[in-house]
Protein backbone atom coordinates (compact mmCIF):
# COMPACT_ATOMS: atom_id res chain seq x y z
CA MET A 1 0.00 0.00 0.00
CA SER A 2 2.83 2.39 0.82
CA HIS A 3 4.48 1.84 -2.56
CA LEU A 4 1.17 2.25 -4.36
CA PHE A 5 0.56 5.57 -2.65
CA ALA A 6 4.16 6.73 -3.18
CA ARG A 7 3.87 6.08 -6.93
CA LEU A 8 0.53 7.86 -7.01
CA GLN A 9 1.95 10.93 -5.27
CA GLN A 10 5.00 10.95 -7.51
CA ALA A 11 2.69 11.08 -10.52
CA ALA A 12 0.52 13.74 -8.88
CA ARG A 13 3.39 16.06 -7.98
CA VAL A 14 6.22 15.29 -10.42
CA GLN A 15 5.06 13.71 -13.68
CA SER A 16 3.37 16.53 -15.60
CA ASP A 17 2.37 14.17 -18.43
CA SER A 18 0.49 11.83 -16.04
CA PRO A 19 -3.33 11.84 -15.84
CA PHE A 20 -2.82 11.95 -12.04
CA TYR A 21 -0.78 15.16 -12.18
CA GLY A 22 -2.24 17.86 -9.95
CA THR A 23 -4.60 15.52 -8.08
CA HIS A 24 -5.13 15.79 -4.33
CA ASN A 25 -4.80 12.37 -2.73
CA TYR A 26 -4.77 10.98 0.80
CA PHE A 27 -3.80 7.84 2.67
CA LEU A 28 -6.09 6.89 5.58
CA VAL A 29 -5.89 4.33 8.36
CA ASN A 30 -7.91 4.35 11.58
CA HIS A 31 -5.11 3.14 13.87
CA PRO A 32 -2.52 5.52 15.38
CA GLU A 33 0.36 3.02 15.52
CA VAL A 34 -0.21 1.75 11.97
CA LEU A 35 -0.40 5.34 10.77
CA LYS A 36 2.91 6.02 12.47
CA VAL A 37 4.47 3.05 10.66
CA TYR A 38 3.35 4.38 7.29
CA LYS A 39 4.79 7.80 8.04
CA GLN A 40 8.04 6.10 9.03
CA ILE A 41 8.11 4.03 5.83
CA ALA A 42 7.53 7.21 3.81
CA GLY A 43 11.02 8.45 4.71
CA PRO A 44 13.05 5.89 2.69
CA ILE A 45 10.54 6.02 -0.17
CA LYS A 46 10.79 9.80 -0.27
CA THR A 47 14.59 9.55 -0.43
CA LEU A 48 14.40 7.10 -3.33
CA LEU A 49 11.94 9.26 -5.25
CA LYS A 50 14.15 12.30 -4.68
CA GLN A 51 17.03 10.45 -6.34
CA ILE A 52 14.81 9.74 -9.33
CA ALA A 53 12.87 12.97 -9.68
CA GLY A 54 15.07 15.60 -7.99
CA PRO A 55 14.41 17.72 -4.89
CA ILE A 56 10.61 17.79 -5.16
CA LYS A 57 8.50 16.85 -2.14
CA THR A 58 6.46 13.89 -3.31
CA LEU A 59 5.31 12.64 0.09
CA LEU A 60 4.14 14.97 2.85
CA LYS A 61 3.05 14.30 6.42
CA LYS A 62 -0.34 15.78 5.71
CA ASP A 63 -0.94 13.08 3.06
CA TYR A 64 -1.36 10.51 5.86
CA GLN A 65 -4.38 11.01 8.12
CA ARG A 66 -6.90 9.39 10.40
CA PRO A 67 -10.39 9.16 8.80
CA THR A 68 -12.15 11.50 11.21
CA SER A 69 -9.45 14.18 10.79
CA PHE A 70 -9.70 13.81 7.02
CA ILE A 71 -13.49 14.17 6.95
CA ASN A 72 -13.62 17.14 9.35
CA GLN A 73 -10.75 18.92 7.64
CA LEU A 74 -12.33 18.68 4.17
CA ASP A 75 -15.66 19.89 5.54
CA LYS A 76 -13.99 22.83 7.27
CA ASN A 77 -12.28 23.89 4.04
CA ASN A 78 -15.26 23.02 1.82
CA ALA A 79 -12.91 20.80 -0.19
CA SER A 80 -12.88 17.33 -1.73
CA ALA A 81 -10.29 14.67 -2.56
CA ASP A 82 -9.40 12.98 -5.81
CA ILE A 83 -8.08 9.59 -4.71
CA VAL A 84 -8.21 8.14 -1.21
CA VAL A 85 -6.30 4.97 -0.25
CA ILE A 86 -7.58 3.24 2.90
CA ASP A 87 -5.63 0.53 4.68
CA GLU A 88 -7.36 -1.63 7.33
CA ALA A 89 -10.79 -0.44 6.17
CA HIS A 90 -12.41 -2.82 8.66
CA LEU A 91 -11.23 -0.38 11.36
CA LEU A 92 -13.44 2.42 9.97
CA LEU A 93 -16.24 3.48 12.27
CA SER A 94 -19.65 2.06 11.43
CA LYS A 95 -21.53 4.26 13.90
CA PRO A 96 -21.15 7.77 15.39
CA ASP A 97 -18.37 8.35 17.90
CA HIS A 98 -18.96 11.78 19.40
CA TYR A 99 -16.10 11.41 21.87
CA ASN A 100 -13.69 11.31 18.90
CA ASN A 101 -15.53 14.03 16.94
CA PHE A 102 -17.20 11.74 14.40
CA TYR A 103 -20.88 12.71 14.09
CA HIS A 104 -21.94 10.82 10.94
CA GLU A 105 -23.30 7.29 10.61
CA ASN A 106 -20.48 5.55 8.73
CA GLN A 107 -16.92 6.66 7.96
CA LEU A 108 -16.58 4.77 4.70
CA LEU A 109 -19.77 6.30 3.35
CA GLU A 110 -18.59 9.79 4.28
CA ILE A 111 -15.20 9.19 2.65
CA ILE A 112 -16.86 7.98 -0.57
CA LYS A 113 -18.97 11.16 -0.63
CA ARG A 114 -15.84 13.32 -0.45
CA ALA A 115 -13.62 11.50 -2.96
CA LYS A 116 -13.72 10.68 -6.66
CA VAL A 117 -11.94 7.34 -6.25
CA VAL A 118 -11.53 5.17 -3.13
CA VAL A 119 -9.14 2.23 -2.91
CA LEU A 120 -9.50 0.14 0.22
CA VAL A 121 -8.19 -3.06 1.79
CA PHE A 122 -10.69 -4.92 3.94
CA ASP A 123 -10.52 -8.06 6.10
CA GLN A 124 -13.77 -9.15 7.71
CA TYR A 125 -11.87 -11.44 10.10
CA GLN A 126 -10.11 -8.54 11.83
CA VAL A 127 -13.23 -6.82 13.15
CA LEU A 128 -12.64 -6.28 16.87
CA ARG A 129 -14.90 -3.44 18.03
CA MET A 130 -18.66 -2.91 17.95
CA LYS A 131 -18.23 0.67 16.77
CA SER A 132 -16.27 -0.75 13.82
CA PHE A 133 -18.60 -3.62 13.08
CA TRP A 134 -18.24 -4.91 9.52
CA THR A 135 -19.21 -7.99 7.55
CA LEU A 136 -18.66 -8.68 3.88
CA ASP A 137 -22.40 -8.37 3.28
CA ARG A 138 -22.51 -5.02 5.04
CA LEU A 139 -19.61 -3.71 2.95
CA ASN A 140 -21.20 -4.91 -0.31
CA GLU A 141 -24.51 -3.30 0.64
CA LEU A 142 -22.82 0.05 1.31
CA ILE A 143 -20.80 0.18 -1.95
CA ALA A 144 -23.58 -1.28 -4.15
CA PRO A 145 -24.89 2.17 -5.32
CA TYR A 146 -21.40 3.12 -6.58
CA PRO A 147 -19.43 1.72 -9.55
CA HIS A 148 -16.77 -0.55 -8.10
CA GLN A 149 -14.46 -3.51 -8.67
CA SER A 150 -13.37 -6.11 -6.14
CA TYR A 151 -10.25 -8.28 -5.96
CA GLN A 152 -9.48 -11.03 -3.50
CA LEU A 153 -5.91 -10.90 -2.17
CA LYS A 154 -4.62 -14.43 -1.60
CA HIS A 155 -1.04 -13.88 -0.47
CA GLN A 156 0.05 -12.11 2.72
CA PHE A 157 3.69 -11.09 2.36
CA ARG A 158 4.30 -10.74 6.08
CA MET A 159 3.13 -14.27 6.76
CA THR A 160 5.83 -16.73 5.71
CA ALA A 161 4.10 -19.91 6.88
CA SER A 162 3.63 -22.94 4.68
CA ASP A 163 0.59 -23.15 2.39
CA ASP A 164 -0.76 -25.98 4.57
CA LEU A 165 -0.59 -23.85 7.72
CA ILE A 166 -2.19 -20.87 5.98
CA ALA A 167 -5.02 -23.15 4.85
CA TRP A 168 -5.35 -24.36 8.45
CA PHE A 169 -5.64 -20.74 9.65
CA ASN A 170 -8.31 -20.03 7.03
CA GLN A 171 -10.34 -23.00 8.13
CA LEU A 172 -9.98 -21.94 11.77
CA THR A 173 -11.39 -18.48 11.00
CA ASN A 174 -14.34 -20.21 9.37
CA GLY A 175 -15.01 -22.15 12.56
CA LEU A 176 -13.48 -25.47 11.51
CA ILE A 177 -10.67 -26.95 13.63
CA GLU A 178 -8.62 -29.48 11.66
CA PRO A 179 -5.48 -31.46 12.65
CA LEU A 180 -2.42 -29.24 12.73
CA PRO A 181 -0.23 -29.70 9.60
CA LYS A 182 3.00 -31.61 10.18
CA ASN A 183 5.01 -28.74 8.66
CA ALA A 184 3.34 -26.08 10.83
CA CYS A 185 6.64 -25.01 12.43
CA ASP A 186 8.87 -25.35 9.37
CA HIS A 187 10.66 -21.98 9.03
CA TYR A 188 7.84 -20.33 10.97
CA ASP A 189 7.57 -19.57 14.68
CA PHE A 190 4.10 -20.91 15.39
CA ARG A 191 3.17 -21.73 18.96
CA ILE A 192 -0.06 -22.83 20.65
CA PHE A 193 -0.33 -22.06 24.35
CA ASP A 194 -2.62 -24.04 26.61
CA ASP A 195 -2.07 -21.47 29.31
CA ALA A 196 -2.47 -17.70 28.83
CA GLU A 197 0.16 -17.10 31.50
CA LYS A 198 2.75 -19.01 29.44
CA MET A 199 1.95 -16.84 26.43
CA LYS A 200 2.28 -13.73 28.61
CA ARG A 201 5.72 -14.89 29.77
CA ALA A 202 6.87 -15.34 26.19
CA ILE A 203 5.90 -11.72 25.44
CA ASP A 204 7.40 -10.60 28.75
CA PHE A 205 10.78 -12.03 27.74
CA LEU A 206 11.12 -9.45 24.97
CA ASP A 207 9.88 -6.75 27.33
CA LYS A 208 12.13 -7.55 30.33
CA SER A 209 15.29 -8.90 28.69
CA ALA A 210 15.59 -6.70 25.62
CA GLY A 211 13.86 -3.50 26.76
CA PHE A 212 10.89 -3.45 24.37
CA PHE A 213 7.90 -1.43 25.61
CA PRO A 214 5.03 -0.96 26.12
CA LYS A 215 3.93 -4.55 26.55
CA ASP A 216 1.40 -4.54 23.71
CA GLU A 217 1.37 -7.48 21.31
CA LYS A 218 -0.13 -5.28 18.56
CA LEU A 219 3.16 -3.36 18.44
CA LEU A 220 5.16 -6.52 17.75
CA TYR A 221 4.19 -6.37 14.06
CA ARG A 222 5.90 -2.99 13.73
CA PHE A 223 8.90 -4.24 15.72
CA ASN A 224 9.09 -7.28 13.44
CA ASP A 225 9.08 -5.09 10.31
CA ILE A 226 11.90 -2.91 11.65
CA MET A 227 14.01 -5.94 12.47
CA LYS A 228 13.47 -7.49 9.04
CA ASP A 229 14.39 -4.21 7.36
CA SER A 230 17.55 -4.06 9.49
CA CYS A 231 18.53 -7.52 8.24
CA SER A 232 19.00 -6.08 4.76
CA GLN A 233 21.93 -4.00 6.05
CA VAL A 234 23.97 -6.90 7.50
CA ASP A 235 27.41 -7.59 6.01
CA VAL A 236 28.84 -10.08 8.52
CA LEU A 237 26.60 -12.06 10.87
CA GLY A 238 27.41 -14.06 13.97
CA CYS A 239 24.71 -16.64 14.71
CA TRP A 240 23.57 -18.59 17.75
CA LEU A 241 22.79 -21.51 15.41
CA VAL A 242 19.22 -21.87 16.65
CA ASN A 243 15.95 -22.63 14.86
CA TYR A 244 14.87 -20.36 12.00
CA GLU A 245 18.15 -18.39 11.76
CA GLU A 246 19.05 -19.92 8.41
CA TYR A 247 15.60 -19.04 7.06
CA TYR A 248 15.86 -15.38 8.08
CA VAL A 249 19.40 -15.09 6.74
CA LYS A 250 18.38 -16.42 3.34
CA LYS A 251 15.15 -14.43 3.13
CA TYR A 252 16.08 -11.04 4.58
CA CYS A 253 19.88 -10.62 4.70
CA SER A 254 20.16 -9.75 1.01
CA ASP A 255 23.66 -8.18 1.11
CA ILE A 256 25.30 -10.52 3.61
CA LYS A 257 28.90 -11.47 2.85
CA ASN A 258 29.78 -13.85 5.67
CA VAL A 259 27.98 -15.91 8.31
CA GLY A 260 29.71 -17.51 11.27
CA VAL A 261 29.37 -18.55 14.89
CA LEU A 262 28.60 -15.62 17.18
CA MET A 263 31.64 -16.21 19.37
CA GLY A 264 33.81 -15.64 16.32
CA LEU A 265 33.01 -11.94 16.57
CA GLU A 266 34.49 -11.70 20.06
CA PRO A 267 38.01 -10.31 19.50
CA TRP A 268 39.50 -11.95 22.63
CA ASN A 269 38.90 -15.34 21.02
CA MET A 270 41.71 -14.38 18.60
CA MET A 271 43.94 -12.75 21.22
CA ASP A 272 47.07 -12.71 19.05
CA GLU A 273 45.40 -10.93 16.13
CA PRO A 274 42.12 -9.36 17.36
CA TRP A 275 40.04 -7.52 14.79
CA SER A 276 39.54 -4.74 17.34
CA GLU A 277 43.14 -3.65 16.69
CA ALA A 278 41.81 -2.07 13.49
CA LEU A 279 40.08 0.55 15.68
CA ARG A 280 43.42 2.21 16.33
CA GLY A 281 43.42 5.92 15.51
CA LYS A 282 39.73 6.04 14.63
CA LYS A 283 36.85 7.99 16.13
CA VAL A 284 34.95 5.24 17.91
CA LEU A 285 31.41 5.75 19.20
CA VAL A 286 30.39 3.28 21.92
CA ILE A 287 26.62 3.03 22.46
CA HIS A 288 25.88 1.27 25.73
CA PRO A 289 24.03 1.85 29.02
CA PHE A 290 27.32 1.56 30.97
CA GLU A 291 28.69 4.86 29.66
CA ASP A 292 30.45 5.92 32.88
CA SER A 293 32.06 2.54 33.50
CA ILE A 294 33.23 2.28 29.91
CA ARG A 295 34.88 5.72 30.04
CA LYS A 296 36.65 4.91 33.31
CA GLN A 297 37.80 1.49 32.10
CA TYR A 298 39.12 2.88 28.83
CA GLU A 299 41.52 5.06 30.82
CA LYS A 300 43.25 1.90 32.06
CA ARG A 301 42.91 -0.02 28.80
CA ARG A 302 46.58 -1.15 28.79
CA GLU A 303 46.07 -3.10 32.03
CA LEU A 304 42.94 -5.02 31.04
CA PHE A 305 44.27 -7.71 28.68
CA LYS A 306 47.48 -9.65 28.17
CA ASN A 307 47.55 -8.24 24.64
CA PRO A 308 46.97 -4.46 24.98
CA GLN A 309 46.22 -4.29 21.24
CA LEU A 310 42.83 -5.85 22.00
CA LEU A 311 41.71 -2.38 23.14
CA PRO A 312 43.98 0.01 21.20
CA ASP A 313 44.29 3.81 21.32
CA PHE A 314 41.39 5.57 19.63
CA GLU A 315 39.27 8.68 20.13
CA LEU A 316 36.52 7.38 22.39
CA LYS A 317 33.07 8.89 22.06
CA THR A 318 30.07 7.59 23.96
CA LEU A 319 26.30 7.68 23.72
CA LYS A 320 24.46 6.48 26.83
CA ALA A 321 21.89 4.02 25.50
CA VAL A 322 18.29 4.22 26.68
CA GLN A 323 17.85 1.62 29.42
CA THR A 324 14.40 0.00 29.53
CA SER A 325 15.33 -3.59 30.45
CA GLY A 326 14.05 -5.22 33.61
CA SER A 327 11.54 -2.84 35.21
CA ALA A 328 13.39 0.29 34.10
CA THR A 329 11.42 3.07 32.44
CA ASP A 330 12.35 6.31 30.73
CA GLU A 331 9.63 8.94 30.96
CA ARG A 332 10.99 10.77 27.92
CA PHE A 333 9.56 8.13 25.63
CA ALA A 334 6.08 6.70 25.13
CA THR A 335 7.25 3.64 23.17
CA TRP A 336 10.36 1.68 22.28
CA PHE A 337 10.10 3.16 18.79
CA ASP A 338 10.39 6.71 20.18
CA ALA A 339 13.49 5.74 22.20
CA LEU A 340 15.07 4.13 19.11
CA GLN A 341 14.41 7.26 17.04
CA TYR A 342 16.01 9.40 19.76
CA MET A 343 19.22 7.36 19.61
CA CYS A 344 19.25 7.42 15.81
CA ASP A 345 18.92 11.21 15.92
CA GLU A 346 21.73 11.46 18.48
CA CYS A 347 24.00 9.35 16.24
CA ASP A 348 23.29 11.75 13.38
CA ARG A 349 24.76 14.59 15.48
CA ILE A 350 28.03 12.84 16.45
CA ASP A 351 31.22 12.78 14.37
CA PHE A 352 32.60 9.24 14.35
CA ASP A 353 34.05 6.57 12.07
CA VAL A 354 32.77 3.34 13.58
CA ALA A 355 30.25 2.49 16.31
CA LEU A 356 30.40 -0.37 18.82
CA ILE A 357 26.91 -1.22 20.03
CA GLY A 358 25.42 -3.14 22.96
CA CYS A 359 21.96 -1.96 24.02
CA GLY A 360 19.38 -4.73 23.92
CA ALA A 361 16.69 -4.70 21.26
CA TYR A 362 17.77 -1.21 20.18
CA GLY A 363 21.17 -2.39 18.97
CA PHE A 364 20.36 -4.18 15.72
CA PRO A 365 18.19 -1.48 14.11
CA LEU A 366 20.57 1.19 15.43
CA ALA A 367 23.47 -0.53 13.64
CA ALA A 368 21.39 -0.61 10.44
CA HIS A 369 20.69 3.12 10.78
CA ILE A 370 24.40 3.85 11.18
CA LYS A 371 25.24 1.87 8.06
CA LYS A 372 22.64 3.88 6.16
CA MET A 373 24.50 6.97 7.40
CA GLY A 374 27.52 5.73 5.43
CA LYS A 375 29.45 4.72 8.55
CA GLN A 376 30.47 1.40 10.07
CA ALA A 377 28.85 -0.37 13.01
CA VAL A 378 29.68 -3.52 14.98
CA HIS A 379 26.74 -4.77 17.02
CA LEU A 380 28.28 -7.03 19.67
CA GLY A 381 25.32 -6.86 22.04
CA GLY A 382 25.71 -7.70 25.72
CA VAL A 383 29.27 -9.00 25.36
CA LEU A 384 30.56 -5.51 24.45
CA GLN A 385 31.17 -4.79 28.15
CA ILE A 386 33.88 -7.48 28.17
CA LEU A 387 35.92 -5.42 25.66
CA PHE A 388 36.22 -2.74 28.37
CA GLY A 389 37.00 -5.08 31.24
CA ILE A 390 33.54 -4.95 32.80
CA LYS A 391 32.44 -8.13 34.52
CA GLY A 392 28.96 -9.66 34.67
CA ARG A 393 27.26 -12.75 36.05
CA ARG A 394 26.97 -14.35 32.59
CA TRP A 395 30.77 -14.38 32.24
CA ASP A 396 31.53 -15.10 35.90
CA GLU A 397 30.19 -18.56 35.16
CA SER A 398 32.05 -19.13 31.87
CA ASP A 399 35.66 -19.42 30.70
CA THR A 400 35.64 -15.70 30.00
CA HIS A 401 36.26 -15.08 33.71
CA LEU A 402 39.79 -16.45 33.20
CA MET A 403 40.65 -13.09 31.58
CA TYR A 404 39.61 -11.15 34.69
CA ASN A 405 42.32 -9.35 36.65
CA GLU A 406 42.46 -6.76 39.43
CA ASN A 407 41.64 -3.97 36.96
CA TRP A 408 38.29 -5.42 35.92
CA VAL A 409 35.13 -4.08 37.58
CA TYR A 410 31.42 -4.69 37.71
CA PRO A 411 29.10 -2.01 36.29
CA ASP A 412 28.72 0.99 38.57
CA ARG A 413 25.75 0.86 40.95
CA SER A 414 24.17 3.79 39.08
CA GLU A 415 24.08 1.60 35.96
CA ILE A 416 21.99 -1.17 37.53
CA PRO A 417 18.37 -0.72 36.36
CA ALA A 418 15.28 -1.41 38.41
CA GLY A 419 14.33 -5.07 38.06
CA ALA A 420 17.81 -6.14 36.91
CA ASP A 421 17.16 -9.57 38.38
CA LYS A 422 14.45 -10.07 35.74
CA VAL A 423 17.06 -9.88 32.96
CA GLU A 424 18.33 -13.46 32.89
CA ASN A 425 18.94 -13.31 36.64
CA ALA A 426 20.96 -10.05 36.43
CA CYS A 427 23.34 -11.47 33.84
CA TYR A 428 25.09 -8.14 33.05
CA TRP A 429 25.68 -7.05 36.63
CA GLU A 430 27.28 -8.25 39.86
CA VAL A 431 25.79 -11.23 41.65
CA LYS A 432 25.18 -10.25 45.26
CA THR A 433 25.74 -12.90 47.90
CA GLU A 434 24.26 -12.85 51.37
CA GLY A 435 26.26 -10.63 53.70
CA LYS A 436 28.26 -9.01 50.89
CA GLU A 437 28.09 -5.26 50.67
CA GLY A 438 29.06 -3.00 47.77
CA SER A 439 31.13 -3.99 44.76
CA ASP A 440 34.78 -3.91 43.77
CA ASN A 441 34.28 -0.69 41.79
CA GLY A 442 35.01 1.50 44.75
């Protein structure tokens, strides 16, 4: 839908020989988060169109609107629209909603009255609210007086399940429960929970361990899209070698040049010739919640490892990552997406050559953003703290602790978030034992 509308607006504003040139067109969706996604997608499309057509604004914020705002705005200006594209048309109001300033009987009918052409996508199985109550019969009855054409979409690009599983889903929505296909979980993360609490814990894992918020499963679709887009920027990938990784690499990592075991990216595993030696002399931006500890540890970098070249001399710059893991909150941001955008904007303002990143679920898309900036990024994740001689429970219990010496520290107390114990039993911080006070940072 976004590409369709982008092409339409390019023709309307750029292509003077097009029959669409000079038309006034709008994109509507009655869901604030989905609308935000479309506005976010418009950025890359706008950049691409600018490369093709020159510095002409083809996509504007005002092109994307909620239905009620669109209707009321046109009425206020005594105006009309040429073409209106509606995504998720089953979310349109089917009755008045005075609280949200809609005083008519049906939003779709009012949109049709104010536009020459309406293009809509409709799914009768996604009707969730009585004030947006739709059936296929009701839709057909409403559009019957107007010339129209209908097409049935049979392929959902975001759903990469097998044909057998998709058929099973379709039968389920029609009220028929059939045996689950044997290939239901082939290259597709499909789970059935017999306990709602177990399902809640699965969602909580992303919330507590990686910092995603708020805990709203509807937002996971947008999160999923951002992660898949970030995959397209990967050059070298370290894998855990778990289920579905191979599928995602083949499907979404279009420019990947090398895939290996995750531990192969840890420079101390090649102590004699660590790749981190290549950081020498560069402007290095470290994005991590442990900003203070990293700065202090870098001052004694020559005493941290047997081979001091593991952490060479460079111009250290830091960006304190937003910390929303565990029970931590940051009142500056309403959603994880807002916090991510903040860090992307901060990166845009900093002069650096390469970024080292470890900040939960923010890290991967942040690295993709930095590559799009024309710079380099290495997303090491949680293990980045080891590069600066910062201990943590996860490594206390592995062979990595053999590198520890008297110059290594645990993260400063100020860097321990609320609910740290909910993040894999405080894996990035110091394990407190009964009767032990303080830490060895002092």
